[in-house]
Amino acid sequence: MIEAVGERFEPREVPARRSTAGMKWDSASVAGATVKLRFSEGVLASALDRFYFADKRYEKAGCLQVSFNVSGVNSSVWLAETILRFGDGVEVLEPGELIADIRQRIEKMRNLYLKL
């Protein structure tokens, strides 16, 4: 029990962990895929906030691996943009289509700055 300013607050139960198996993150395409990402120690807090409902596994090196299902990665603009926000603190492990999309986006960004 916690008391503050004369008010009493009882501890709450932590909600049960939900699986992402049935969740659809992208309704724009039909084919489904499992996305696997590895986050470095420096971005763990942000990754845990953003991928709260994803299945999580901590690795010995201090990294966090998350996996979740999407209904399709080819048109998942939001997913690529979300991943790129983590900079070099995230590695896409699966699927290959998402790795190729991220690689292409990084190459486009690189080319923008080579012109300077």
PDB file of N, CA and C in Angstrom:
ATOM      1  N   MET A   1       0.846  -1.170   0.000  1.00  0.00           N
ATOM      2  CA  MET A   1       0.000   0.000   0.000  1.00  0.00           C
ATOM      3  C   MET A   1       0.898   1.242   0.000  1.00  0.00           C
ATOM      4  N   ILE A   2       0.475   2.245  -0.765  1.00  0.00           N
ATOM      5  CA  ILE A   2       1.214   3.493  -0.877  1.00  0.00           C
ATOM      6  C   ILE A   2       0.309   4.611  -0.370  1.00  0.00           C
ATOM      7  N   GLU A   3       0.863   5.494   0.440  1.00  0.00           N
ATOM      8  CA  GLU A   3       0.087   6.633   0.913  1.00  0.00           C
ATOM      9  C   GLU A   3       0.756   7.918   0.458  1.00  0.00           C
ATOM     10  N   ALA A   4      -0.044   8.845  -0.056  1.00  0.00           N
ATOM     11  CA  ALA A   4       0.477  10.135  -0.502  1.00  0.00           C
ATOM     12  C   ALA A   4      -0.596  11.180  -0.293  1.00  0.00           C
ATOM     13  N   VAL A   5      -0.263  12.268   0.384  1.00  0.00           N
ATOM     14  CA  VAL A   5      -1.153  13.404   0.586  1.00  0.00           C
ATOM     15  C   VAL A   5      -2.520  12.955   1.131  1.00  0.00           C
ATOM     16  N   GLY A   6      -2.483  12.025   2.038  1.00  0.00           N
ATOM     17  CA  GLY A   6      -3.725  11.608   2.655  1.00  0.00           C
ATOM     18  C   GLY A   6      -4.572  10.662   1.813  1.00  0.00           C
ATOM     19  N   GLU A   7      -4.207  10.424   0.570  1.00  0.00           N
ATOM     20  CA  GLU A   7      -4.954   9.493  -0.276  1.00  0.00           C
ATOM     21  C   GLU A   7      -4.267   8.139  -0.236  1.00  0.00           C
ATOM     22  N   ARG A   8      -5.061   7.111  -0.417  1.00  0.00           N
ATOM     23  CA  ARG A   8      -4.513   5.760  -0.405  1.00  0.00           C
ATOM     24  C   ARG A   8      -4.631   5.144  -1.797  1.00  0.00           C
ATOM     25  N   PHE A   9      -3.577   4.502  -2.193  1.00  0.00           N
ATOM     26  CA  PHE A   9      -3.541   3.845  -3.492  1.00  0.00           C
ATOM     27  C   PHE A   9      -3.136   2.390  -3.294  1.00  0.00           C
ATOM     28  N   GLU A  10      -3.906   1.512  -3.834  1.00  0.00           N
ATOM     29  CA  GLU A  10      -3.601   0.086  -3.767  1.00  0.00           C
ATOM     30  C   GLU A  10      -2.828  -0.310  -5.035  1.00  0.00           C
ATOM     31  N   PRO A  11      -1.873  -1.214  -4.899  1.00  0.00           N
ATOM     32  CA  PRO A  11      -1.145  -1.672  -6.097  1.00  0.00           C
ATOM     33  C   PRO A  11      -2.087  -2.365  -7.074  1.00  0.00           C
ATOM     34  N   ARG A  12      -1.823  -2.154  -8.344  1.00  0.00           N
ATOM     35  CA  ARG A  12      -2.612  -2.782  -9.407  1.00  0.00           C
ATOM     36  C   ARG A  12      -1.921  -4.023  -9.910  1.00  0.00           C
ATOM     37  N   GLU A  13      -2.714  -4.935 -10.452  1.00  0.00           N
ATOM     38  CA  GLU A  13      -2.151  -6.108 -11.088  1.00  0.00           C
ATOM     39  C   GLU A  13      -1.632  -5.733 -12.465  1.00  0.00           C
ATOM     40  N   VAL A  14      -0.510  -6.312 -12.844  1.00  0.00           N
ATOM     41  CA  VAL A  14       0.033  -6.094 -14.179  1.00  0.00           C
ATOM     42  C   VAL A  14      -0.844  -6.864 -15.161  1.00  0.00           C
ATOM     43  N   PRO A  15      -1.271  -6.217 -16.259  1.00  0.00           N
ATOM     44  CA  PRO A  15      -2.114  -6.936 -17.212  1.00  0.00           C
ATOM     45  C   PRO A  15      -1.392  -8.138 -17.818  1.00  0.00           C
ATOM     46  N   ALA A  16      -2.147  -9.146 -18.143  1.00  0.00           N
ATOM     47  CA  ALA A  16      -1.576 -10.341 -18.754  1.00  0.00           C
ATOM     48  C   ALA A  16      -0.955  -9.995 -20.097  1.00  0.00           C
ATOM     49  N   ARG A  17       0.144 -10.645 -20.413  1.00  0.00           N
ATOM     50  CA  ARG A  17       0.834 -10.409 -21.684  1.00  0.00           C
ATOM     51  C   ARG A  17      -0.017 -10.935 -22.826  1.00  0.00           C
ATOM     52  N   ARG A  18      -0.194 -10.098 -23.825  1.00  0.00           N
ATOM     53  CA  ARG A  18      -0.985 -10.494 -24.992  1.00  0.00           C
ATOM     54  C   ARG A  18      -0.063 -10.884 -26.122  1.00  0.00           C
ATOM     55  N   SER A  19      -0.424 -11.914 -26.824  1.00  0.00           N
ATOM     56  CA  SER A  19       0.343 -12.364 -27.980  1.00  0.00           C
ATOM     57  C   SER A  19      -0.065 -11.551 -29.200  1.00  0.00           C
ATOM     58  N   THR A  20       0.856 -11.366 -30.113  1.00  0.00           N
ATOM     59  CA  THR A  20       0.565 -10.644 -31.349  1.00  0.00           C
ATOM     60  C   THR A  20       0.127 -11.579 -32.457  1.00  0.00           C
ATOM     61  N   ALA A  21      -0.014 -12.858 -32.159  1.00  0.00           N
ATOM     62  CA  ALA A  21      -0.297 -13.846 -33.194  1.00  0.00           C
ATOM     63  C   ALA A  21      -1.526 -13.499 -34.021  1.00  0.00           C
ATOM     64  N   GLY A  22      -2.564 -12.981 -33.412  1.00  0.00           N
ATOM     65  CA  GLY A  22      -3.784 -12.687 -34.159  1.00  0.00           C
ATOM     66  C   GLY A  22      -3.937 -11.236 -34.557  1.00  0.00           C
ATOM     67  N   MET A  23      -2.977 -10.400 -34.194  1.00  0.00           N
ATOM     68  CA  MET A  23      -3.100  -8.975 -34.491  1.00  0.00           C
ATOM     69  C   MET A  23      -2.672  -8.666 -35.914  1.00  0.00           C
ATOM     70  N   LYS A  24      -3.380  -7.761 -36.559  1.00  0.00           N
ATOM     71  CA  LYS A  24      -3.001  -7.306 -37.901  1.00  0.00           C
ATOM     72  C   LYS A  24      -2.529  -5.866 -37.784  1.00  0.00           C
ATOM     73  N   TRP A  25      -1.280  -5.661 -38.125  1.00  0.00           N
ATOM     74  CA  TRP A  25      -0.690  -4.334 -38.008  1.00  0.00           C
ATOM     75  C   TRP A  25      -0.856  -3.534 -39.283  1.00  0.00           C
ATOM     76  N   ASP A  26      -1.096  -4.186 -40.398  1.00  0.00           N
ATOM     77  CA  ASP A  26      -1.177  -3.480 -41.671  1.00  0.00           C
ATOM     78  C   ASP A  26      -2.300  -4.099 -42.491  1.00  0.00           C
ATOM     79  N   SER A  27      -3.348  -3.350 -42.699  1.00  0.00           N
ATOM     80  CA  SER A  27      -4.487  -3.887 -43.430  1.00  0.00           C
ATOM     81  C   SER A  27      -4.398  -3.617 -44.935  1.00  0.00           C
ATOM     82  N   ALA A  28      -3.297  -3.025 -45.398  1.00  0.00           N
ATOM     83  CA  ALA A  28      -3.190  -2.654 -46.803  1.00  0.00           C
ATOM     84  C   ALA A  28      -2.861  -3.830 -47.713  1.00  0.00           C
ATOM     85  N   SER A  29      -2.317  -4.888 -47.173  1.00  0.00           N
ATOM     86  CA  SER A  29      -1.988  -6.028 -48.017  1.00  0.00           C
ATOM     87  C   SER A  29      -2.462  -7.320 -47.363  1.00  0.00           C
ATOM     88  N   VAL A  30      -2.409  -8.395 -48.113  1.00  0.00           N
ATOM     89  CA  VAL A  30      -3.027  -9.631 -47.662  1.00  0.00           C
ATOM     90  C   VAL A  30      -2.021 -10.623 -47.078  1.00  0.00           C
ATOM     91  N   ALA A  31      -0.890 -10.800 -47.713  1.00  0.00           N
ATOM     92  CA  ALA A  31       0.057 -11.816 -47.280  1.00  0.00           C
ATOM     93  C   ALA A  31       0.637 -11.469 -45.914  1.00  0.00           C
ATOM     94  N   GLY A  32       0.672 -12.431 -44.997  1.00  0.00           N
ATOM     95  CA  GLY A  32       1.177 -12.188 -43.652  1.00  0.00           C
ATOM     96  C   GLY A  32       2.644 -12.544 -43.520  1.00  0.00           C
ATOM     97  N   ALA A  33       3.257 -12.025 -42.463  1.00  0.00           N
ATOM     98  CA  ALA A  33       4.665 -12.298 -42.205  1.00  0.00           C
ATOM     99  C   ALA A  33       4.952 -12.077 -40.731  1.00  0.00           C
ATOM    100  N   THR A  34       5.970 -12.765 -40.249  1.00  0.00           N
ATOM    101  CA  THR A  34       6.464 -12.531 -38.895  1.00  0.00           C
ATOM    102  C   THR A  34       7.682 -11.639 -39.005  1.00  0.00           C
ATOM    103  N   VAL A  35       7.669 -10.555 -38.265  1.00  0.00           N
ATOM    104  CA  VAL A  35       8.777  -9.606 -38.247  1.00  0.00           C
ATOM    105  C   VAL A  35       9.613  -9.892 -37.007  1.00  0.00           C
ATOM    106  N   LYS A  36      10.933  -9.977 -37.187  1.00  0.00           N
ATOM    107  CA  LYS A  36      11.853 -10.153 -36.070  1.00  0.00           C
ATOM    108  C   LYS A  36      12.872  -9.031 -36.111  1.00  0.00           C
ATOM    109  N   LEU A  37      13.019  -8.353 -34.976  1.00  0.00           N
ATOM    110  CA  LEU A  37      13.938  -7.224 -34.855  1.00  0.00           C
ATOM    111  C   LEU A  37      14.843  -7.451 -33.656  1.00  0.00           C
ATOM    112  N   ARG A  38      16.086  -6.963 -33.741  1.00  0.00           N
ATOM    113  CA  ARG A  38      17.006  -7.002 -32.607  1.00  0.00           C
ATOM    114  C   ARG A  38      17.383  -5.570 -32.255  1.00  0.00           C
ATOM    115  N   PHE A  39      17.162  -5.212 -30.988  1.00  0.00           N
ATOM    116  CA  PHE A  39      17.459  -3.868 -30.509  1.00  0.00           C
ATOM    117  C   PHE A  39      18.666  -3.893 -29.587  1.00  0.00           C
ATOM    118  N   SER A  40      19.536  -2.895 -29.739  1.00  0.00           N
ATOM    119  CA  SER A  40      20.712  -2.786 -28.877  1.00  0.00           C
ATOM    120  C   SER A  40      20.322  -2.170 -27.538  1.00  0.00           C
ATOM    121  N   GLU A  41      21.228  -2.251 -26.582  1.00  0.00           N
ATOM    122  CA  GLU A  41      20.969  -1.755 -25.230  1.00  0.00           C
ATOM    123  C   GLU A  41      20.556  -0.283 -25.211  1.00  0.00           C
ATOM    124  N   GLY A  42      21.126   0.515 -26.097  1.00  0.00           N
ATOM    125  CA  GLY A  42      20.888   1.952 -26.087  1.00  0.00           C
ATOM    126  C   GLY A  42      19.468   2.371 -26.425  1.00  0.00           C
ATOM    127  N   VAL A  43      18.704   1.496 -27.050  1.00  0.00           N
ATOM    128  CA  VAL A  43      17.332   1.848 -27.455  1.00  0.00           C
ATOM    129  C   VAL A  43      16.281   0.940 -26.815  1.00  0.00           C
ATOM    130  N   LEU A  44      16.691   0.172 -25.794  1.00  0.00           N
ATOM    131  CA  LEU A  44      15.772  -0.796 -25.182  1.00  0.00           C
ATOM    132  C   LEU A  44      14.492  -0.156 -24.657  1.00  0.00           C
ATOM    133  N   ALA A  45      14.612   0.947 -23.943  1.00  0.00           N
ATOM    134  CA  ALA A  45      13.419   1.571 -23.356  1.00  0.00           C
ATOM    135  C   ALA A  45      12.430   1.982 -24.439  1.00  0.00           C
ATOM    136  N   SER A  46      12.922   2.602 -25.486  1.00  0.00           N
ATOM    137  CA  SER A  46      12.042   3.018 -26.589  1.00  0.00           C
ATOM    138  C   SER A  46      11.437   1.813 -27.300  1.00  0.00           C
ATOM    139  N   ALA A  47      12.229   0.777 -27.483  1.00  0.00           N
ATOM    140  CA  ALA A  47      11.731  -0.433 -28.154  1.00  0.00           C
ATOM    141  C   ALA A  47      10.638  -1.094 -27.322  1.00  0.00           C
ATOM    142  N   LEU A  48      10.840  -1.146 -26.020  1.00  0.00           N
ATOM    143  CA  LEU A  48       9.822  -1.745 -25.149  1.00  0.00           C
ATOM    144  C   LEU A  48       8.531  -0.937 -25.169  1.00  0.00           C
ATOM    145  N   ASP A  49       8.649   0.377 -25.241  1.00  0.00           N
ATOM    146  CA  ASP A  49       7.454   1.228 -25.326  1.00  0.00           C
ATOM    147  C   ASP A  49       6.733   1.020 -26.657  1.00  0.00           C
ATOM    148  N   ARG A  50       7.474   0.994 -27.732  1.00  0.00           N
ATOM    149  CA  ARG A  50       6.866   0.932 -29.063  1.00  0.00           C
ATOM    150  C   ARG A  50       6.319  -0.450 -29.392  1.00  0.00           C
ATOM    151  N   PHE A  51       7.001  -1.489 -28.962  1.00  0.00           N
ATOM    152  CA  PHE A  51       6.602  -2.853 -29.292  1.00  0.00           C
ATOM    153  C   PHE A  51       6.163  -3.602 -28.033  1.00  0.00           C
ATOM    154  N   TYR A  52       5.317  -2.956 -27.253  1.00  0.00           N
ATOM    155  CA  TYR A  52       4.853  -3.474 -25.966  1.00  0.00           C
ATOM    156  C   TYR A  52       4.225  -4.852 -26.089  1.00  0.00           C
ATOM    157  N   PHE A  53       3.388  -5.068 -27.103  1.00  0.00           N
ATOM    158  CA  PHE A  53       2.662  -6.330 -27.232  1.00  0.00           C
ATOM    159  C   PHE A  53       3.413  -7.389 -28.039  1.00  0.00           C
ATOM    160  N   ALA A  54       4.601  -7.065 -28.513  1.00  0.00           N
ATOM    161  CA  ALA A  54       5.378  -8.046 -29.281  1.00  0.00           C
ATOM    162  C   ALA A  54       5.936  -9.118 -28.347  1.00  0.00           C
ATOM    163  N   ASP A  55       6.200 -10.286 -28.897  1.00  0.00           N
ATOM    164  CA  ASP A  55       6.881 -11.324 -28.134  1.00  0.00           C
ATOM    165  C   ASP A  55       8.327 -10.892 -27.971  1.00  0.00           C
ATOM    166  N   LYS A  56       8.869 -11.021 -26.752  1.00  0.00           N
ATOM    167  CA  LYS A  56      10.202 -10.505 -26.445  1.00  0.00           C
ATOM    168  C   LYS A  56      11.119 -11.608 -25.933  1.00  0.00           C
ATOM    169  N   ARG A  57      12.401 -11.468 -26.285  1.00  0.00           N
ATOM    170  CA  ARG A  57      13.415 -12.395 -25.793  1.00  0.00           C
ATOM    171  C   ARG A  57      14.703 -11.607 -25.587  1.00  0.00           C
ATOM    172  N   TYR A  58      15.233 -11.667 -24.383  1.00  0.00           N
ATOM    173  CA  TYR A  58      16.487 -10.976 -24.094  1.00  0.00           C
ATOM    174  C   TYR A  58      17.657 -11.892 -24.437  1.00  0.00           C
ATOM    175  N   GLU A  59      18.690 -11.293 -25.024  1.00  0.00           N
ATOM    176  CA  GLU A  59      19.870 -12.046 -25.405  1.00  0.00           C
ATOM    177  C   GLU A  59      20.991 -11.767 -24.420  1.00  0.00           C
ATOM    178  N   LYS A  60      21.970 -12.670 -24.363  1.00  0.00           N
ATOM    179  CA  LYS A  60      23.076 -12.547 -23.406  1.00  0.00           C
ATOM    180  C   LYS A  60      23.838 -11.249 -23.570  1.00  0.00           C
ATOM    181  N   ALA A  61      23.962 -10.759 -24.774  1.00  0.00           N
ATOM    182  CA  ALA A  61      24.748  -9.543 -25.042  1.00  0.00           C
ATOM    183  C   ALA A  61      24.012  -8.272 -24.586  1.00  0.00           C
ATOM    184  N   GLY A  62      22.834  -8.418 -23.973  1.00  0.00           N
ATOM    185  CA  GLY A  62      22.082  -7.251 -23.526  1.00  0.00           C
ATOM    186  C   GLY A  62      21.107  -6.725 -24.556  1.00  0.00           C
ATOM    187  N   CYS A  63      21.009  -7.398 -25.677  1.00  0.00           N
ATOM    188  CA  CYS A  63      20.086  -6.994 -26.731  1.00  0.00           C
ATOM    189  C   CYS A  63      18.698  -7.572 -26.466  1.00  0.00           C
ATOM    190  N   LEU A  64      17.731  -7.011 -27.144  1.00  0.00           N
ATOM    191  CA  LEU A  64      16.353  -7.479 -27.055  1.00  0.00           C
ATOM    192  C   LEU A  64      15.886  -7.876 -28.439  1.00  0.00           C
ATOM    193  N   GLN A  65      15.339  -9.079 -28.558  1.00  0.00           N
ATOM    194  CA  GLN A  65      14.772  -9.520 -29.828  1.00  0.00           C
ATOM    195  C   GLN A  65      13.254  -9.538 -29.679  1.00  0.00           C
ATOM    196  N   VAL A  66      12.568  -8.894 -30.619  1.00  0.00           N
ATOM    197  CA  VAL A  66      11.109  -8.895 -30.599  1.00  0.00           C
ATOM    198  C   VAL A  66      10.598  -9.529 -31.881  1.00  0.00           C
ATOM    199  N   SER A  67       9.428 -10.142 -31.788  1.00  0.00           N
ATOM    200  CA  SER A  67       8.796 -10.690 -32.978  1.00  0.00           C
ATOM    201  C   SER A  67       7.302 -10.453 -32.885  1.00  0.00           C
ATOM    202  N   PHE A  68       6.702 -10.185 -34.033  1.00  0.00           N
ATOM    203  CA  PHE A  68       5.269  -9.938 -34.114  1.00  0.00           C
ATOM    204  C   PHE A  68       4.822 -10.193 -35.536  1.00  0.00           C
ATOM    205  N   ASN A  69       3.530 -10.370 -35.698  1.00  0.00           N
ATOM    206  CA  ASN A  69       2.963 -10.650 -37.016  1.00  0.00           C
ATOM    207  C   ASN A  69       2.412  -9.378 -37.642  1.00  0.00           C
ATOM    208  N   VAL A  70       2.576  -9.270 -38.941  1.00  0.00           N
ATOM    209  CA  VAL A  70       1.945  -8.210 -39.723  1.00  0.00           C
ATOM    210  C   VAL A  70       1.186  -8.887 -40.848  1.00  0.00           C
ATOM    211  N   SER A  71       0.171  -8.208 -41.350  1.00  0.00           N
ATOM    212  CA  SER A  71      -0.591  -8.821 -42.438  1.00  0.00           C
ATOM    213  C   SER A  71       0.141  -8.702 -43.763  1.00  0.00           C
ATOM    214  N   GLY A  72       1.140  -7.827 -43.853  1.00  0.00           N
ATOM    215  CA  GLY A  72       1.950  -7.708 -45.058  1.00  0.00           C
ATOM    216  C   GLY A  72       3.034  -6.677 -44.871  1.00  0.00           C
ATOM    217  N   VAL A  73       4.230  -6.945 -45.374  1.00  0.00           N
ATOM    218  CA  VAL A  73       5.332  -6.004 -45.202  1.00  0.00           C
ATOM    219  C   VAL A  73       5.607  -5.168 -46.438  1.00  0.00           C
ATOM    220  N   ASN A  74       5.140  -5.589 -47.588  1.00  0.00           N
ATOM    221  CA  ASN A  74       5.457  -4.855 -48.814  1.00  0.00           C
ATOM    222  C   ASN A  74       4.933  -3.429 -48.803  1.00  0.00           C
ATOM    223  N   SER A  75       3.776  -3.204 -48.222  1.00  0.00           N
ATOM    224  CA  SER A  75       3.216  -1.853 -48.214  1.00  0.00           C
ATOM    225  C   SER A  75       3.208  -1.257 -46.816  1.00  0.00           C
ATOM    226  N   SER A  76       4.016  -1.779 -45.935  1.00  0.00           N
ATOM    227  CA  SER A  76       4.041  -1.304 -44.554  1.00  0.00           C
ATOM    228  C   SER A  76       4.974  -0.110 -44.394  1.00  0.00           C
ATOM    229  N   VAL A  77       4.547   1.013 -44.910  1.00  0.00           N
ATOM    230  CA  VAL A  77       5.349   2.236 -44.796  1.00  0.00           C
ATOM    231  C   VAL A  77       5.575   2.567 -43.329  1.00  0.00           C
ATOM    232  N   TRP A  78       4.530   2.445 -42.520  1.00  0.00           N
ATOM    233  CA  TRP A  78       4.642   2.784 -41.097  1.00  0.00           C
ATOM    234  C   TRP A  78       5.697   1.935 -40.415  1.00  0.00           C
ATOM    235  N   LEU A  79       5.797   0.663 -40.804  1.00  0.00           N
ATOM    236  CA  LEU A  79       6.743  -0.239 -40.150  1.00  0.00           C
ATOM    237  C   LEU A  79       8.180   0.163 -40.482  1.00  0.00           C
ATOM    238  N   ALA A  80       8.460   0.426 -41.737  1.00  0.00           N
ATOM    239  CA  ALA A  80       9.807   0.847 -42.132  1.00  0.00           C
ATOM    240  C   ALA A  80      10.177   2.162 -41.460  1.00  0.00           C
ATOM    241  N   GLU A  81       9.248   3.106 -41.422  1.00  0.00           N
ATOM    242  CA  GLU A  81       9.523   4.399 -40.784  1.00  0.00           C
ATOM    243  C   GLU A  81       9.757   4.242 -39.285  1.00  0.00           C
ATOM    244  N   THR A  82       9.006   3.360 -38.659  1.00  0.00           N
ATOM    245  CA  THR A  82       9.189   3.107 -37.225  1.00  0.00           C
ATOM    246  C   THR A  82      10.558   2.502 -36.965  1.00  0.00           C
ATOM    247  N   ILE A  83      10.948   1.547 -37.773  1.00  0.00           N
ATOM    248  CA  ILE A  83      12.252   0.901 -37.607  1.00  0.00           C
ATOM    249  C   ILE A  83      13.385   1.906 -37.806  1.00  0.00           C
ATOM    250  N   LEU A  84      13.260   2.744 -38.831  1.00  0.00           N
ATOM    251  CA  LEU A  84      14.326   3.713 -39.111  1.00  0.00           C
ATOM    252  C   LEU A  84      14.496   4.733 -37.986  1.00  0.00           C
ATOM    253  N   ARG A  85      13.467   4.976 -37.214  1.00  0.00           N
ATOM    254  CA  ARG A  85      13.579   5.901 -36.064  1.00  0.00           C
ATOM    255  C   ARG A  85      14.604   5.425 -35.044  1.00  0.00           C
ATOM    256  N   PHE A  86      14.864   4.122 -35.013  1.00  0.00           N
ATOM    257  CA  PHE A  86      15.812   3.571 -34.054  1.00  0.00           C
ATOM    258  C   PHE A  86      17.254   3.646 -34.542  1.00  0.00           C
ATOM    259  N   GLY A  87      17.456   4.146 -35.758  1.00  0.00           N
ATOM    260  CA  GLY A  87      18.803   4.316 -36.297  1.00  0.00           C
ATOM    261  C   GLY A  87      19.602   3.034 -36.285  1.00  0.00           C
ATOM    262  N   ASP A  88      20.854   3.133 -35.831  1.00  0.00           N
ATOM    263  CA  ASP A  88      21.712   1.952 -35.811  1.00  0.00           C
ATOM    264  C   ASP A  88      21.498   1.097 -34.564  1.00  0.00           C
ATOM    265  N   GLY A  89      20.434   1.401 -33.814  1.00  0.00           N
ATOM    266  CA  GLY A  89      20.112   0.618 -32.622  1.00  0.00           C
ATOM    267  C   GLY A  89      19.197  -0.552 -32.889  1.00  0.00           C
ATOM    268  N   VAL A  90      18.846  -0.791 -34.160  1.00  0.00           N
ATOM    269  CA  VAL A  90      17.958  -1.905 -34.494  1.00  0.00           C
ATOM    270  C   VAL A  90      18.476  -2.624 -35.732  1.00  0.00           C
ATOM    271  N   GLU A  91      18.273  -3.928 -35.734  1.00  0.00           N
ATOM    272  CA  GLU A  91      18.611  -4.748 -36.898  1.00  0.00           C
ATOM    273  C   GLU A  91      17.376  -5.568 -37.252  1.00  0.00           C
ATOM    274  N   VAL A  92      16.996  -5.536 -38.524  1.00  0.00           N
ATOM    275  CA  VAL A  92      15.882  -6.354 -38.998  1.00  0.00           C
ATOM    276  C   VAL A  92      16.429  -7.746 -39.285  1.00  0.00           C
ATOM    277  N   LEU A  93      15.879  -8.752 -38.626  1.00  0.00           N
ATOM    278  CA  LEU A  93      16.323 -10.130 -38.816  1.00  0.00           C
ATOM    279  C   LEU A  93      15.460 -10.879 -39.825  1.00  0.00           C
ATOM    280  N   GLU A  94      14.168 -10.587 -39.841  1.00  0.00           N
ATOM    281  CA  GLU A  94      13.207 -11.216 -40.757  1.00  0.00           C
ATOM    282  C   GLU A  94      12.057 -10.248 -40.948  1.00  0.00           C
ATOM    283  N   PRO A  95      11.370 -10.320 -42.032  1.00  0.00           N
ATOM    284  CA  PRO A  95      11.534 -11.125 -43.249  1.00  0.00           C
ATOM    285  C   PRO A  95      12.460 -10.414 -44.240  1.00  0.00           C
ATOM    286  N   GLY A  96      12.873 -11.155 -45.238  1.00  0.00           N
ATOM    287  CA  GLY A  96      13.789 -10.623 -46.248  1.00  0.00           C
ATOM    288  C   GLY A  96      13.242  -9.416 -46.989  1.00  0.00           C
ATOM    289  N   GLU A  97      11.918  -9.396 -47.219  1.00  0.00           N
ATOM    290  CA  GLU A  97      11.309  -8.266 -47.935  1.00  0.00           C
ATOM    291  C   GLU A  97      11.475  -6.967 -47.147  1.00  0.00           C
ATOM    292  N   LEU A  98      11.363  -7.066 -45.831  1.00  0.00           N
ATOM    293  CA  LEU A  98      11.520  -5.874 -44.996  1.00  0.00           C
ATOM    294  C   LEU A  98      12.976  -5.439 -44.953  1.00  0.00           C
ATOM    295  N   ILE A  99      13.881  -6.392 -44.892  1.00  0.00           N
ATOM    296  CA  ILE A  99      15.314  -6.072 -44.920  1.00  0.00           C
ATOM    297  C   ILE A  99      15.641  -5.330 -46.218  1.00  0.00           C
ATOM    298  N   ALA A 100      15.118  -5.814 -47.331  1.00  0.00           N
ATOM    299  CA  ALA A 100      15.367  -5.167 -48.630  1.00  0.00           C
ATOM    300  C   ALA A 100      14.770  -3.762 -48.661  1.00  0.00           C
ATOM    301  N   ASP A 101      13.582  -3.590 -48.098  1.00  0.00           N
ATOM    302  CA  ASP A 101      12.939  -2.272 -48.060  1.00  0.00           C
ATOM    303  C   ASP A 101      13.766  -1.293 -47.232  1.00  0.00           C
ATOM    304  N   ILE A 102      14.220  -1.715 -46.062  1.00  0.00           N
ATOM    305  CA  ILE A 102      15.040  -0.855 -45.197  1.00  0.00           C
ATOM    306  C   ILE A 102      16.350  -0.513 -45.906  1.00  0.00           C
ATOM    307  N   ARG A 103      16.966  -1.504 -46.526  1.00  0.00           N
ATOM    308  CA  ARG A 103      18.226  -1.283 -47.246  1.00  0.00           C
ATOM    309  C   ARG A 103      18.040  -0.240 -48.352  1.00  0.00           C
ATOM    310  N   GLN A 104      16.927  -0.346 -49.094  1.00  0.00           N
ATOM    311  CA  GLN A 104      16.647   0.596 -50.181  1.00  0.00           C
ATOM    312  C   GLN A 104      16.427   2.005 -49.638  1.00  0.00           C
ATOM    313  N   ARG A 105      15.706   2.129 -48.555  1.00  0.00           N
ATOM    314  CA  ARG A 105      15.466   3.447 -47.956  1.00  0.00           C
ATOM    315  C   ARG A 105      16.767   4.086 -47.460  1.00  0.00           C
ATOM    316  N   ILE A 106      17.625   3.277 -46.843  1.00  0.00           N
ATOM    317  CA  ILE A 106      18.908   3.786 -46.355  1.00  0.00           C
ATOM    318  C   ILE A 106      19.774   4.236 -47.525  1.00  0.00           C
ATOM    319  N   GLU A 107      19.751   3.475 -48.609  1.00  0.00           N
ATOM    320  CA  GLU A 107      20.529   3.839 -49.799  1.00  0.00           C
ATOM    321  C   GLU A 107      20.038   5.176 -50.375  1.00  0.00           C
ATOM    322  N   LYS A 108      18.724   5.383 -50.414  1.00  0.00           N
ATOM    323  CA  LYS A 108      18.171   6.655 -50.900  1.00  0.00           C
ATOM    324  C   LYS A 108      18.628   7.817 -50.013  1.00  0.00           C
ATOM    325  N   MET A 109      18.597   7.602 -48.692  1.00  0.00           N
ATOM    326  CA  MET A 109      19.050   8.654 -47.775  1.00  0.00           C
ATOM    327  C   MET A 109      20.534   8.935 -47.976  1.00  0.00           C
ATOM    328  N   ARG A 110      21.309   7.880 -48.124  1.00  0.00           N
ATOM    329  CA  ARG A 110      22.748   8.028 -48.345  1.00  0.00           C
ATOM    330  C   ARG A 110      23.019   8.846 -49.602  1.00  0.00           C
ATOM    331  N   ASN A 111      22.292   8.539 -50.675  1.00  0.00           N
ATOM    332  CA  ASN A 111      22.481   9.252 -51.932  1.00  0.00           C
ATOM    333  C   ASN A 111      22.139  10.733 -51.812  1.00  0.00           C
ATOM    334  N   LEU A 112      21.175  11.070 -50.976  1.00  0.00           N
ATOM    335  CA  LEU A 112      20.829  12.479 -50.764  1.00  0.00           C
ATOM    336  C   LEU A 112      22.028  13.253 -50.203  1.00  0.00           C
ATOM    337  N   TYR A 113      22.772  12.623 -49.309  1.00  0.00           N
ATOM    338  CA  TYR A 113      23.866  13.320 -48.644  1.00  0.00           C
ATOM    339  C   TYR A 113      25.188  13.193 -49.407  1.00  0.00           C
ATOM    340  N   LEU A 114      25.270  12.304 -50.348  1.00  0.00           N
ATOM    341  CA  LEU A 114      26.466  12.230 -51.185  1.00  0.00           C
ATOM    342  C   LEU A 114      26.518  13.419 -52.146  1.00  0.00           C
ATOM    343  N   LYS A 115      25.377  13.994 -52.441  1.00  0.00           N
ATOM    344  CA  LYS A 115      25.298  15.133 -53.372  1.00  0.00           C
ATOM    345  C   LYS A 115      25.825  16.416 -52.731  1.00  0.00           C
ATOM    346  N   LEU A 116      25.895  16.462 -51.433  1.00  0.00           N
ATOM    347  CA  LEU A 116      26.316  17.708 -50.748  1.00  0.00           C
ATOM    348  C   LEU A 116      27.768  17.993 -50.894  1.00  0.00           C
TER     349      LEU A 116
END
